Amino acid sequence: MLRLLAVLTALILSSTAFANDCPVLTPQQTSELVNEHMYGGAPTYDPILVRRGYVTSYDSEHRVPRWTAWHVSPDYVDTPRRRSRWKRFRVDPDMPYAVTNGDYTNIPKVDVDGQEDFYARGHLAPYFVSGGDRDGDGIDAEIEEDLKVEDIDDACTVFEINYMTNIAPQLHNSLNGSGGPWYKVETLVREQVKDGEEFHVLAGTIFGNAPVKTVGNPNDSRPDTIGVPHMFWKVIVSDGYAFGFLFEHDAQLHPDGLGCPLKEANVQNCLVPIPEIEALAGVSLFPDLAADGRPTDVAASLRAATAFLSD
């Protein structure tokens, strides 16, 4: 019953969105998107926001996603990448005191093991999965000749992937840039999707008892800043198996030190049993699946992950 209420809340929240001339989602569209993106049920009881390319639960205290879930297929990686129209980060119209793109400007550099780094606007649902002809009408977001909007529904999938409710501060050089393990896992998924695979993915932030760093530009009218997550997690589902990754960011919270450190070169070292992610993040993954069919068996999950990484 509680999970049903959460989905109904999502219908209400998503129906209020109107930005970038995006058509408001109908209840039927919202329900279909929940079914597409949220594999096995919502990981928490919190209200959710339904977007065309993902479903997310927002952490209003720290002003970052608590978790985000999305489905990715080969068609979805055809994402417009040119011109600021497509790449620009956008304020989420459903959020009071919404995070803005400007909140990530003028942030001091940080030292990570003797090297300078900075906090980037880190997507949970990545930009590269927001493309494709989602509504099946034979046209996608952009006109190829001049890159203007061709299909507003597909364009809004791209716009919404850049909502700041899908963004969290991530150390660029150490985590989400080309040398970081978060980027490397994303790249593995992207390469396999381009080869014809499809996946369900969930990712989230973790805050523990350690002090929380913040970024942002507080002022008299907008006193809130943005919390820097202590850790991040990601779970990839393929062919009925799930395998999890845990990333150290600003603190190591796991009592046994599980999860990969910043700058980890071998992403196999980021693999952890999924129950460890559930316990640390306070989530329950795939709650709607029958107990004997839940893809959280540790051995099966790790076997699937090893095969995924070695392909």
C-alpha atoms as a PDB file:
ATOM      1  CA  MET A   1       0.000   0.000   0.000  1.00  0.00           C
ATOM      2  CA  LEU A   2       2.788   2.454   0.897  1.00  0.00           C
ATOM      3  CA  ARG A   3       4.537   1.843  -2.412  1.00  0.00           C
ATOM      4  CA  LEU A   4       1.271   2.391  -4.277  1.00  0.00           C
ATOM      5  CA  LEU A   5       0.880   5.711  -2.446  1.00  0.00           C
ATOM      6  CA  ALA A   6       4.412   6.657  -3.480  1.00  0.00           C
ATOM      7  CA  VAL A   7       3.597   6.026  -7.133  1.00  0.00           C
ATOM      8  CA  LEU A   8       0.346   7.999  -6.840  1.00  0.00           C
ATOM      9  CA  THR A   9       2.314  10.847  -5.304  1.00  0.00           C
ATOM     10  CA  ALA A  10       4.632  10.688  -8.286  1.00  0.00           C
ATOM     11  CA  LEU A  11       1.675  11.079 -10.632  1.00  0.00           C
ATOM     12  CA  ILE A  12       0.691  14.243  -8.835  1.00  0.00           C
ATOM     13  CA  LEU A  13       4.217  15.671  -8.762  1.00  0.00           C
ATOM     14  CA  SER A  14       4.974  14.938 -12.379  1.00  0.00           C
ATOM     15  CA  SER A  15       1.689  16.407 -13.609  1.00  0.00           C
ATOM     16  CA  THR A  16       2.740  19.883 -12.439  1.00  0.00           C
ATOM     17  CA  ALA A  17       5.912  20.062 -14.511  1.00  0.00           C
ATOM     18  CA  PHE A  18       5.975  22.590 -17.318  1.00  0.00           C
ATOM     19  CA  ALA A  19       9.282  23.948 -18.555  1.00  0.00           C
ATOM     20  CA  ASN A  20      10.988  24.481 -21.889  1.00  0.00           C
ATOM     21  CA  ASP A  21       7.514  24.250 -23.469  1.00  0.00           C
ATOM     22  CA  CYS A  22       7.398  20.592 -22.481  1.00  0.00           C
ATOM     23  CA  PRO A  23       3.956  18.982 -22.658  1.00  0.00           C
ATOM     24  CA  VAL A  24       2.680  17.878 -19.275  1.00  0.00           C
ATOM     25  CA  LEU A  25       2.769  14.099 -18.879  1.00  0.00           C
ATOM     26  CA  THR A  26      -0.625  12.440 -18.740  1.00  0.00           C
ATOM     27  CA  PRO A  27      -1.383   9.950 -15.956  1.00  0.00           C
ATOM     28  CA  GLN A  28      -1.132   7.132 -18.511  1.00  0.00           C
ATOM     29  CA  GLN A  29       2.265   8.344 -19.731  1.00  0.00           C
ATOM     30  CA  THR A  30       3.479   8.679 -16.160  1.00  0.00           C
ATOM     31  CA  SER A  31       2.377   5.169 -15.295  1.00  0.00           C
ATOM     32  CA  GLU A  32       4.088   3.789 -18.404  1.00  0.00           C
ATOM     33  CA  LEU A  33       7.311   5.599 -17.538  1.00  0.00           C
ATOM     34  CA  VAL A  34       7.264   4.237 -13.984  1.00  0.00           C
ATOM     35  CA  ASN A  35       6.858   0.742 -15.402  1.00  0.00           C
ATOM     36  CA  GLU A  36       9.684   1.256 -17.886  1.00  0.00           C
ATOM     37  CA  HIS A  37      12.294   2.808 -15.635  1.00  0.00           C
ATOM     38  CA  MET A  38      11.663   1.524 -12.111  1.00  0.00           C
ATOM     39  CA  TYR A  39      12.771  -2.095 -12.244  1.00  0.00           C
ATOM     40  CA  GLY A  40      11.300  -4.171  -9.435  1.00  0.00           C
ATOM     41  CA  GLY A  41       9.721  -1.304  -7.519  1.00  0.00           C
ATOM     42  CA  ALA A  42      10.825   1.859  -5.744  1.00  0.00           C
ATOM     43  CA  PRO A  43      13.893   1.433  -3.517  1.00  0.00           C
ATOM     44  CA  THR A  44      12.410   3.712  -0.815  1.00  0.00           C
ATOM     45  CA  TYR A  45       8.981   4.959   0.238  1.00  0.00           C
ATOM     46  CA  ASP A  46       9.795   8.577  -0.578  1.00  0.00           C
ATOM     47  CA  PRO A  47       7.779  10.533  -3.144  1.00  0.00           C
ATOM     48  CA  ILE A  48       9.192  10.217  -6.624  1.00  0.00           C
ATOM     49  CA  LEU A  49       9.487  12.490  -9.631  1.00  0.00           C
ATOM     50  CA  VAL A  50       8.725  10.936 -13.003  1.00  0.00           C
ATOM     51  CA  ARG A  51      10.634  12.172 -16.015  1.00  0.00           C
ATOM     52  CA  ARG A  52      10.647  10.931 -19.582  1.00  0.00           C
ATOM     53  CA  GLY A  53      14.117   9.400 -19.280  1.00  0.00           C
ATOM     54  CA  TYR A  54      14.193   8.350 -15.620  1.00  0.00           C
ATOM     55  CA  VAL A  55      12.450   8.218 -12.260  1.00  0.00           C
ATOM     56  CA  THR A  56      14.047   9.836  -9.225  1.00  0.00           C
ATOM     57  CA  SER A  57      13.640  10.437  -5.517  1.00  0.00           C
ATOM     58  CA  TYR A  58      14.984  13.784  -4.343  1.00  0.00           C
ATOM     59  CA  ASP A  59      16.857  14.414  -1.098  1.00  0.00           C
ATOM     60  CA  SER A  60      15.582  17.868  -0.159  1.00  0.00           C
ATOM     61  CA  GLU A  61      17.907  18.129   2.831  1.00  0.00           C
ATOM     62  CA  HIS A  62      21.091  17.766   0.796  1.00  0.00           C
ATOM     63  CA  ARG A  63      19.510  18.934  -2.494  1.00  0.00           C
ATOM     64  CA  VAL A  64      20.733  16.007  -4.575  1.00  0.00           C
ATOM     65  CA  PRO A  65      19.039  12.862  -5.907  1.00  0.00           C
ATOM     66  CA  ARG A  66      18.552  10.182  -3.270  1.00  0.00           C
ATOM     67  CA  TRP A  67      18.341   7.633  -6.073  1.00  0.00           C
ATOM     68  CA  THR A  68      17.560   7.582  -9.770  1.00  0.00           C
ATOM     69  CA  ALA A  69      16.352   4.662 -11.897  1.00  0.00           C
ATOM     70  CA  TRP A  70      16.359   4.390 -15.675  1.00  0.00           C
ATOM     71  CA  HIS A  71      16.113   1.978 -18.577  1.00  0.00           C
ATOM     72  CA  VAL A  72      18.603   2.216 -21.413  1.00  0.00           C
ATOM     73  CA  SER A  73      18.346   0.558 -24.821  1.00  0.00           C
ATOM     74  CA  PRO A  74      20.398   0.992 -28.002  1.00  0.00           C
ATOM     75  CA  ASP A  75      17.994   3.587 -29.412  1.00  0.00           C
ATOM     76  CA  TYR A  76      18.487   5.834 -26.394  1.00  0.00           C
ATOM     77  CA  VAL A  77      22.178   6.570 -26.960  1.00  0.00           C
ATOM     78  CA  ASP A  78      21.429   8.687 -30.043  1.00  0.00           C
ATOM     79  CA  THR A  79      21.571  11.885 -27.991  1.00  0.00           C
ATOM     80  CA  PRO A  80      22.040  15.423 -29.375  1.00  0.00           C
ATOM     81  CA  ARG A  81      25.418  16.722 -28.211  1.00  0.00           C
ATOM     82  CA  ARG A  82      25.925  19.948 -30.138  1.00  0.00           C
ATOM     83  CA  ARG A  83      24.862  23.482 -29.245  1.00  0.00           C
ATOM     84  CA  SER A  84      24.113  24.727 -25.770  1.00  0.00           C
ATOM     85  CA  ARG A  85      20.384  24.165 -26.307  1.00  0.00           C
ATOM     86  CA  TRP A  86      20.919  20.501 -25.608  1.00  0.00           C
ATOM     87  CA  LYS A  87      23.766  20.547 -23.100  1.00  0.00           C
ATOM     88  CA  ARG A  88      22.512  23.338 -20.832  1.00  0.00           C
ATOM     89  CA  PHE A  89      21.707  22.434 -17.237  1.00  0.00           C
ATOM     90  CA  ARG A  90      18.176  23.375 -16.228  1.00  0.00           C
ATOM     91  CA  VAL A  91      16.247  24.252 -13.086  1.00  0.00           C
ATOM     92  CA  ASP A  92      13.640  21.668 -12.138  1.00  0.00           C
ATOM     93  CA  PRO A  93      10.274  23.489 -12.175  1.00  0.00           C
ATOM     94  CA  ASP A  94       8.823  21.150  -9.535  1.00  0.00           C
ATOM     95  CA  MET A  95      11.348  22.084  -6.836  1.00  0.00           C
ATOM     96  CA  PRO A  96      10.961  24.942  -4.372  1.00  0.00           C
ATOM     97  CA  TYR A  97      14.342  26.573  -3.693  1.00  0.00           C
ATOM     98  CA  ALA A  98      15.573  24.669  -6.714  1.00  0.00           C
ATOM     99  CA  VAL A  99      19.266  24.179  -7.368  1.00  0.00           C
ATOM    100  CA  THR A 100      20.474  26.308 -10.251  1.00  0.00           C
ATOM    101  CA  ASN A 101      23.371  25.913 -12.620  1.00  0.00           C
ATOM    102  CA  GLY A 102      24.954  28.955 -10.990  1.00  0.00           C
ATOM    103  CA  ASP A 103      25.172  27.156  -7.661  1.00  0.00           C
ATOM    104  CA  TYR A 104      28.098  25.230  -9.112  1.00  0.00           C
ATOM    105  CA  THR A 105      30.111  28.285 -10.153  1.00  0.00           C
ATOM    106  CA  ASN A 106      32.952  29.868  -8.191  1.00  0.00           C
ATOM    107  CA  ILE A 107      33.433  26.734  -6.098  1.00  0.00           C
ATOM    108  CA  PRO A 108      36.975  26.519  -4.679  1.00  0.00           C
ATOM    109  CA  LYS A 109      39.221  23.757  -5.975  1.00  0.00           C
ATOM    110  CA  VAL A 110      39.954  20.875  -3.612  1.00  0.00           C
ATOM    111  CA  ASP A 111      43.057  18.820  -2.968  1.00  0.00           C
ATOM    112  CA  VAL A 112      42.792  15.074  -3.558  1.00  0.00           C
ATOM    113  CA  ASP A 113      45.960  13.205  -2.664  1.00  0.00           C
ATOM    114  CA  GLY A 114      48.154  16.120  -3.641  1.00  0.00           C
ATOM    115  CA  GLN A 115      46.382  16.888  -6.912  1.00  0.00           C
ATOM    116  CA  GLU A 116      43.911  19.675  -7.642  1.00  0.00           C
ATOM    117  CA  ASP A 117      40.329  18.653  -8.361  1.00  0.00           C
ATOM    118  CA  PHE A 118      36.926  20.303  -8.537  1.00  0.00           C
ATOM    119  CA  TYR A 119      33.275  19.406  -8.037  1.00  0.00           C
ATOM    120  CA  ALA A 120      31.495  18.882 -11.339  1.00  0.00           C
ATOM    121  CA  ARG A 121      27.783  18.668 -12.031  1.00  0.00           C
ATOM    122  CA  GLY A 122      27.516  14.898 -11.945  1.00  0.00           C
ATOM    123  CA  HIS A 123      24.553  13.247 -13.673  1.00  0.00           C
ATOM    124  CA  LEU A 124      23.068  10.168 -12.029  1.00  0.00           C
ATOM    125  CA  ALA A 125      21.066   9.200 -15.134  1.00  0.00           C
ATOM    126  CA  PRO A 126      23.711  10.077 -17.744  1.00  0.00           C
ATOM    127  CA  TYR A 127      23.234  12.450 -20.629  1.00  0.00           C
ATOM    128  CA  PHE A 128      24.081   9.813 -23.225  1.00  0.00           C
ATOM    129  CA  VAL A 129      20.917   7.784 -22.488  1.00  0.00           C
ATOM    130  CA  SER A 130      18.463  10.612 -23.201  1.00  0.00           C
ATOM    131  CA  GLY A 131      18.209  10.251 -26.967  1.00  0.00           C
ATOM    132  CA  GLY A 132      16.114   8.234 -29.363  1.00  0.00           C
ATOM    133  CA  ASP A 133      12.580   8.308 -30.736  1.00  0.00           C
ATOM    134  CA  ARG A 134      10.857   7.629 -27.412  1.00  0.00           C
ATOM    135  CA  ASP A 135       7.292   8.142 -28.611  1.00  0.00           C
ATOM    136  CA  GLY A 136       7.697   6.035 -31.759  1.00  0.00           C
ATOM    137  CA  ASP A 137       6.487   8.686 -34.187  1.00  0.00           C
ATOM    138  CA  GLY A 138       9.438   8.334 -36.547  1.00  0.00           C
ATOM    139  CA  ILE A 139      11.223  11.552 -35.521  1.00  0.00           C
ATOM    140  CA  ASP A 140      13.570  12.330 -32.660  1.00  0.00           C
ATOM    141  CA  ALA A 141      14.647  15.416 -30.740  1.00  0.00           C
ATOM    142  CA  GLU A 142      16.592  17.400 -33.343  1.00  0.00           C
ATOM    143  CA  ILE A 143      16.513  18.295 -36.987  1.00  0.00           C
ATOM    144  CA  GLU A 144      19.811  16.979 -38.288  1.00  0.00           C
ATOM    145  CA  GLU A 145      20.457  19.910 -40.651  1.00  0.00           C
ATOM    146  CA  ASP A 146      20.186  22.821 -38.207  1.00  0.00           C
ATOM    147  CA  LEU A 147      19.909  21.015 -34.821  1.00  0.00           C
ATOM    148  CA  LYS A 148      16.669  22.786 -33.921  1.00  0.00           C
ATOM    149  CA  VAL A 149      13.924  20.977 -32.019  1.00  0.00           C
ATOM    150  CA  GLU A 150      12.088  18.505 -34.239  1.00  0.00           C
ATOM    151  CA  ASP A 151      10.046  16.515 -31.703  1.00  0.00           C
ATOM    152  CA  ILE A 152       9.206  18.321 -28.479  1.00  0.00           C
ATOM    153  CA  ASP A 153       8.532  15.142 -26.477  1.00  0.00           C
ATOM    154  CA  ASP A 154      11.914  13.659 -27.358  1.00  0.00           C
ATOM    155  CA  ALA A 155      13.565  17.046 -26.857  1.00  0.00           C
ATOM    156  CA  CYS A 156      12.094  17.190 -23.377  1.00  0.00           C
ATOM    157  CA  THR A 157      13.721  13.855 -22.548  1.00  0.00           C
ATOM    158  CA  VAL A 158      17.051  15.569 -23.189  1.00  0.00           C
ATOM    159  CA  PHE A 159      16.056  18.728 -21.313  1.00  0.00           C
ATOM    160  CA  GLU A 160      14.927  16.750 -18.274  1.00  0.00           C
ATOM    161  CA  ILE A 161      18.115  14.669 -18.075  1.00  0.00           C
ATOM    162  CA  ASN A 162      19.814  18.007 -17.349  1.00  0.00           C
ATOM    163  CA  TYR A 163      17.438  19.004 -14.550  1.00  0.00           C
ATOM    164  CA  MET A 164      19.451  19.807 -11.451  1.00  0.00           C
ATOM    165  CA  THR A 165      17.397  17.200  -9.545  1.00  0.00           C
ATOM    166  CA  ASN A 166      19.386  14.608 -11.521  1.00  0.00           C
ATOM    167  CA  ILE A 167      22.703  16.196 -10.521  1.00  0.00           C
ATOM    168  CA  ALA A 168      25.035  15.802  -7.534  1.00  0.00           C
ATOM    169  CA  PRO A 169      28.502  17.252  -6.833  1.00  0.00           C
ATOM    170  CA  GLN A 170      31.114  14.747  -8.009  1.00  0.00           C
ATOM    171  CA  LEU A 171      34.875  15.156  -8.016  1.00  0.00           C
ATOM    172  CA  HIS A 172      35.660  15.406 -11.698  1.00  0.00           C
ATOM    173  CA  ASN A 173      39.222  14.212 -12.089  1.00  0.00           C
ATOM    174  CA  SER A 174      38.938  11.552  -9.398  1.00  0.00           C
ATOM    175  CA  LEU A 175      35.458  10.110  -9.993  1.00  0.00           C
ATOM    176  CA  ASN A 176      33.301  11.229 -12.900  1.00  0.00           C
ATOM    177  CA  GLY A 177      35.907  12.383 -15.435  1.00  0.00           C
ATOM    178  CA  SER A 178      37.720  10.145 -17.887  1.00  0.00           C
ATOM    179  CA  GLY A 179      40.165   8.881 -15.255  1.00  0.00           C
ATOM    180  CA  GLY A 180      37.557   8.125 -12.620  1.00  0.00           C
ATOM    181  CA  PRO A 181      35.811   4.822 -11.826  1.00  0.00           C
ATOM    182  CA  TRP A 182      32.281   6.285 -12.128  1.00  0.00           C
ATOM    183  CA  TYR A 183      33.076   7.347 -15.687  1.00  0.00           C
ATOM    184  CA  LYS A 184      34.592   3.966 -16.467  1.00  0.00           C
ATOM    185  CA  VAL A 185      31.484   2.073 -15.350  1.00  0.00           C
ATOM    186  CA  GLU A 186      29.301   4.432 -17.405  1.00  0.00           C
ATOM    187  CA  THR A 187      31.548   3.810 -20.391  1.00  0.00           C
ATOM    188  CA  LEU A 188      31.245   0.032 -20.009  1.00  0.00           C
ATOM    189  CA  VAL A 189      27.472   0.346 -20.064  1.00  0.00           C
ATOM    190  CA  ARG A 190      27.507   2.694 -23.047  1.00  0.00           C
ATOM    191  CA  GLU A 191      29.781   0.419 -25.076  1.00  0.00           C
ATOM    192  CA  GLN A 192      27.632  -2.624 -24.456  1.00  0.00           C
ATOM    193  CA  VAL A 193      24.425  -0.725 -25.222  1.00  0.00           C
ATOM    194  CA  LYS A 194      25.929   0.337 -28.542  1.00  0.00           C
ATOM    195  CA  ASP A 195      26.573  -3.367 -29.174  1.00  0.00           C
ATOM    196  CA  GLY A 196      22.863  -4.087 -28.777  1.00  0.00           C
ATOM    197  CA  GLU A 197      22.496  -4.763 -25.053  1.00  0.00           C
ATOM    198  CA  GLU A 198      19.949  -3.060 -22.821  1.00  0.00           C
ATOM    199  CA  PHE A 199      19.939  -2.548 -19.072  1.00  0.00           C
ATOM    200  CA  HIS A 200      18.029  -1.220 -16.123  1.00  0.00           C
ATOM    201  CA  VAL A 201      20.229   0.934 -13.931  1.00  0.00           C
ATOM    202  CA  LEU A 202      19.788   2.428 -10.482  1.00  0.00           C
ATOM    203  CA  ALA A 203      22.203   4.865  -8.876  1.00  0.00           C
ATOM    204  CA  GLY A 204      22.210   6.897  -5.706  1.00  0.00           C
ATOM    205  CA  THR A 205      23.978   8.996  -3.123  1.00  0.00           C
ATOM    206  CA  ILE A 206      24.974   8.029   0.412  1.00  0.00           C
ATOM    207  CA  PHE A 207      25.340  10.311   3.424  1.00  0.00           C
ATOM    208  CA  GLY A 208      26.556   8.940   6.732  1.00  0.00           C
ATOM    209  CA  ASN A 209      27.494  10.248  10.163  1.00  0.00           C
ATOM    210  CA  ALA A 210      30.631  11.989   8.929  1.00  0.00           C
ATOM    211  CA  PRO A 211      30.598  15.781   8.490  1.00  0.00           C
ATOM    212  CA  VAL A 212      28.984  16.830   5.201  1.00  0.00           C
ATOM    213  CA  LYS A 213      30.830  19.271   2.969  1.00  0.00           C
ATOM    214  CA  THR A 214      28.709  21.674   0.963  1.00  0.00           C
ATOM    215  CA  VAL A 215      29.013  23.618  -2.254  1.00  0.00           C
ATOM    216  CA  GLY A 216      26.905  26.423  -3.615  1.00  0.00           C
ATOM    217  CA  ASN A 217      26.360  30.140  -3.383  1.00  0.00           C
ATOM    218  CA  PRO A 218      24.142  30.948  -0.394  1.00  0.00           C
ATOM    219  CA  ASN A 219      22.599  34.406  -0.121  1.00  0.00           C
ATOM    220  CA  ASP A 220      19.802  36.073   1.789  1.00  0.00           C
ATOM    221  CA  SER A 221      17.051  34.727  -0.473  1.00  0.00           C
ATOM    222  CA  ARG A 222      18.617  31.306  -1.092  1.00  0.00           C
ATOM    223  CA  PRO A 223      20.427  30.226   2.068  1.00  0.00           C
ATOM    224  CA  ASP A 224      20.684  26.562   1.159  1.00  0.00           C
ATOM    225  CA  THR A 225      23.809  24.881  -0.129  1.00  0.00           C
ATOM    226  CA  ILE A 226      24.296  21.471  -1.760  1.00  0.00           C
ATOM    227  CA  GLY A 227      25.616  18.485   0.169  1.00  0.00           C
ATOM    228  CA  VAL A 228      28.619  16.583  -1.173  1.00  0.00           C
ATOM    229  CA  PRO A 229      27.793  12.847  -0.934  1.00  0.00           C
ATOM    230  CA  HIS A 230      30.118  10.693   1.121  1.00  0.00           C
ATOM    231  CA  MET A 231      29.691   7.793  -1.316  1.00  0.00           C
ATOM    232  CA  PHE A 232      27.841   6.857  -4.503  1.00  0.00           C
ATOM    233  CA  TRP A 233      26.383   3.538  -5.604  1.00  0.00           C
ATOM    234  CA  LYS A 234      25.195   2.022  -8.868  1.00  0.00           C
ATOM    235  CA  VAL A 235      23.354  -1.219  -9.651  1.00  0.00           C
ATOM    236  CA  ILE A 236      23.055  -2.611 -13.176  1.00  0.00           C
ATOM    237  CA  VAL A 237      20.407  -5.188 -14.072  1.00  0.00           C
ATOM    238  CA  SER A 238      20.796  -7.440 -17.085  1.00  0.00           C
ATOM    239  CA  ASP A 239      19.005 -10.678 -17.996  1.00  0.00           C
ATOM    240  CA  GLY A 240      17.549 -11.084 -14.512  1.00  0.00           C
ATOM    241  CA  TYR A 241      20.835 -10.559 -12.677  1.00  0.00           C
ATOM    242  CA  ALA A 242      21.933  -7.490 -10.777  1.00  0.00           C
ATOM    243  CA  PHE A 243      25.422  -6.405  -9.839  1.00  0.00           C
ATOM    244  CA  GLY A 244      26.450  -3.480  -7.709  1.00  0.00           C
ATOM    245  CA  PHE A 245      29.215  -0.908  -7.561  1.00  0.00           C
ATOM    246  CA  LEU A 246      30.145   1.245  -4.570  1.00  0.00           C
ATOM    247  CA  PHE A 247      32.278   4.376  -4.930  1.00  0.00           C
ATOM    248  CA  GLU A 248      34.098   6.166  -2.159  1.00  0.00           C
ATOM    249  CA  HIS A 249      33.836   9.933  -2.577  1.00  0.00           C
ATOM    250  CA  ASP A 250      34.250  12.201   0.439  1.00  0.00           C
ATOM    251  CA  ALA A 251      34.359   9.495   3.135  1.00  0.00           C
ATOM    252  CA  GLN A 252      34.605   5.736   3.535  1.00  0.00           C
ATOM    253  CA  LEU A 253      31.493   4.640   5.411  1.00  0.00           C
ATOM    254  CA  HIS A 254      31.572   0.872   5.041  1.00  0.00           C
ATOM    255  CA  PRO A 255      32.888  -0.843   8.192  1.00  0.00           C
ATOM    256  CA  ASP A 256      34.948  -3.260   6.089  1.00  0.00           C
ATOM    257  CA  GLY A 257      36.134  -0.642   3.619  1.00  0.00           C
ATOM    258  CA  LEU A 258      34.151  -2.005   0.686  1.00  0.00           C
ATOM    259  CA  GLY A 259      33.864   0.077  -2.448  1.00  0.00           C
ATOM    260  CA  CYS A 260      36.570   1.561  -4.625  1.00  0.00           C
ATOM    261  CA  PRO A 261      38.585   4.624  -3.690  1.00  0.00           C
ATOM    262  CA  LEU A 262      38.871   7.722  -5.846  1.00  0.00           C
ATOM    263  CA  LYS A 263      40.972   7.332  -9.002  1.00  0.00           C
ATOM    264  CA  GLU A 264      40.570   3.529  -8.895  1.00  0.00           C
ATOM    265  CA  ALA A 265      41.795   2.183 -12.210  1.00  0.00           C
ATOM    266  CA  ASN A 266      40.275  -1.302 -12.009  1.00  0.00           C
ATOM    267  CA  VAL A 267      36.503  -1.030 -11.709  1.00  0.00           C
ATOM    268  CA  GLN A 268      36.237  -4.681 -10.677  1.00  0.00           C
ATOM    269  CA  ASN A 269      37.468  -3.398  -7.319  1.00  0.00           C
ATOM    270  CA  CYS A 270      34.281  -1.318  -7.128  1.00  0.00           C
ATOM    271  CA  LEU A 271      32.063  -4.409  -7.149  1.00  0.00           C
ATOM    272  CA  VAL A 272      30.272  -5.156  -3.883  1.00  0.00           C
ATOM    273  CA  PRO A 273      27.451  -7.514  -2.869  1.00  0.00           C
ATOM    274  CA  ILE A 274      24.148  -5.777  -3.404  1.00  0.00           C
ATOM    275  CA  PRO A 275      22.928  -6.305   0.193  1.00  0.00           C
ATOM    276  CA  GLU A 276      25.907  -4.211   1.310  1.00  0.00           C
ATOM    277  CA  ILE A 277      24.682  -1.336  -0.855  1.00  0.00           C
ATOM    278  CA  GLU A 278      21.153  -1.725   0.491  1.00  0.00           C
ATOM    279  CA  ALA A 279      22.343  -1.587   4.085  1.00  0.00           C
ATOM    280  CA  LEU A 280      24.678   1.361   3.603  1.00  0.00           C
ATOM    281  CA  ALA A 281      22.313   3.446   1.438  1.00  0.00           C
ATOM    282  CA  GLY A 282      19.149   2.598   3.357  1.00  0.00           C
ATOM    283  CA  VAL A 283      17.352   1.272   0.282  1.00  0.00           C
ATOM    284  CA  SER A 284      15.495  -1.936  -0.562  1.00  0.00           C
ATOM    285  CA  LEU A 285      16.163  -2.847  -4.164  1.00  0.00           C
ATOM    286  CA  PHE A 286      13.605  -4.696  -6.275  1.00  0.00           C
ATOM    287  CA  PRO A 287      10.974  -4.921  -3.489  1.00  0.00           C
ATOM    288  CA  ASP A 288       8.167  -5.873  -5.862  1.00  0.00           C
ATOM    289  CA  LEU A 289       9.864  -9.016  -7.097  1.00  0.00           C
ATOM    290  CA  ALA A 290       9.033 -12.311  -5.455  1.00  0.00           C
ATOM    291  CA  ALA A 291      11.514 -13.316  -2.749  1.00  0.00           C
ATOM    292  CA  ASP A 292      12.692 -16.378  -4.670  1.00  0.00           C
ATOM    293  CA  GLY A 293      13.232 -14.321  -7.813  1.00  0.00           C
ATOM    294  CA  ARG A 294      14.993 -11.277  -6.451  1.00  0.00           C
ATOM    295  CA  PRO A 295      18.259 -10.780  -8.347  1.00  0.00           C
ATOM    296  CA  THR A 296      20.146  -9.948  -5.147  1.00  0.00           C
ATOM    297  CA  ASP A 297      21.760 -13.292  -4.500  1.00  0.00           C
ATOM    298  CA  VAL A 298      25.349 -12.332  -3.815  1.00  0.00           C
ATOM    299  CA  ALA A 299      27.028 -15.131  -5.757  1.00  0.00           C
ATOM    300  CA  ALA A 300      24.786 -14.758  -8.806  1.00  0.00           C
ATOM    301  CA  SER A 301      25.181 -10.992  -8.757  1.00  0.00           C
ATOM    302  CA  LEU A 302      28.954 -11.101  -8.640  1.00  0.00           C
ATOM    303  CA  ARG A 303      29.122 -13.774 -11.338  1.00  0.00           C
ATOM    304  CA  ALA A 304      27.012 -11.604 -13.587  1.00  0.00           C
ATOM    305  CA  ALA A 305      29.156  -8.569 -12.855  1.00  0.00           C
ATOM    306  CA  THR A 306      32.382 -10.394 -13.641  1.00  0.00           C
ATOM    307  CA  ALA A 307      30.975 -11.571 -16.961  1.00  0.00           C
ATOM    308  CA  PHE A 308      29.754  -8.040 -17.704  1.00  0.00           C
ATOM    309  CA  LEU A 309      33.176  -6.551 -17.107  1.00  0.00           C
ATOM    310  CA  SER A 310      35.068  -9.177 -19.066  1.00  0.00           C
ATOM    311  CA  ASP A 311      32.989  -8.997 -22.248  1.00  0.00           C
END
